[in-house]
Every structure is written in C-alpha cells, then in structure tokens.
Amino acid sequence: MTSVQTEVAGAMRISVVHVADDVERTGELYRSLGFSAVPQDDSDCAGWLSDDGSGVIVTATAMIARTFGADVAGELSGKSIPYIYVLDLKAARAGIGDAAAVCEYVYGNVTEILIRMPGSTFILAATAR
C-alpha cells in the first residue's frame, strides 16, 4: 500500500471500525475487555475507548449497507478496518494513487471516503473546516 504523506494529507489519528450485525452485543465484548463506552446519538454506531486512548467504533452492518452499499456491507460484516482521520481528503486521496474510491458519504460536517485497493479496505474521514 502506498502510504499517505502526513505533511500533505495531515493524518491526525486512526481508529478501527468493527462492522457487526449486532452493535450492542459486540459492544459488550469491548466492555468486558475494559473499554469504556463513548456516548453516541445513533444506535447503529457505538464508540469504545481504552484507558490509553485507543478506540474502536462498532458500526452496524445495516449502517454500512445504507452508507456504502449492500455489496460492501456483505464484504465487511464481521471484520475490522482502519478509519483514518485526515485534515485534507483531497490530498490524502491523491497520496494514495490509483486506489478506487468506492463511495463518498457526507453527514453533518464529516466527509468519509471508502477506499478499496488490492489487499486493503479503509475509510478516510475529514471534518469540514
């Protein structure tokens, strides 16, 4: 995988998205491992943080289907992928090269781009500035 150049894209942090059919049951797994729940406004998504600040976002397969399509949801269900926060989506996308952006999704002031490349799938996200 071609790396995104931090000085161009402004990589800020990385989380993991765990795609699950049952967000509540999967969240209980993270709770049992010592993660703390992060309040969310959406029942199809739950955030979990460890004491060191690392975290995971548990997202419903149904939400992935609504956002990126049923084919992508079927492929990602039960898997975890990187969720990379950047300052500049255009620069990050350019730094990746010829990877195909499957879908771009905007909600509120956040834009997400699902990137699929041979051997790798991940989401780039940025907040409008």
Foldseek 3Di string as FASTA:
>chain_A
DQAQDCVQFVWDDKAKEFEEQQQVVVVVVLVVVAWDWDDDPDNQWTKTAHPVGHIYIYGYLVVCCVAQNNVVSVVRYRHMAMEIETAHPVSRVVSVPPWDFRDWDDDDQKIWTWTDDVPHIYIYMYGHD
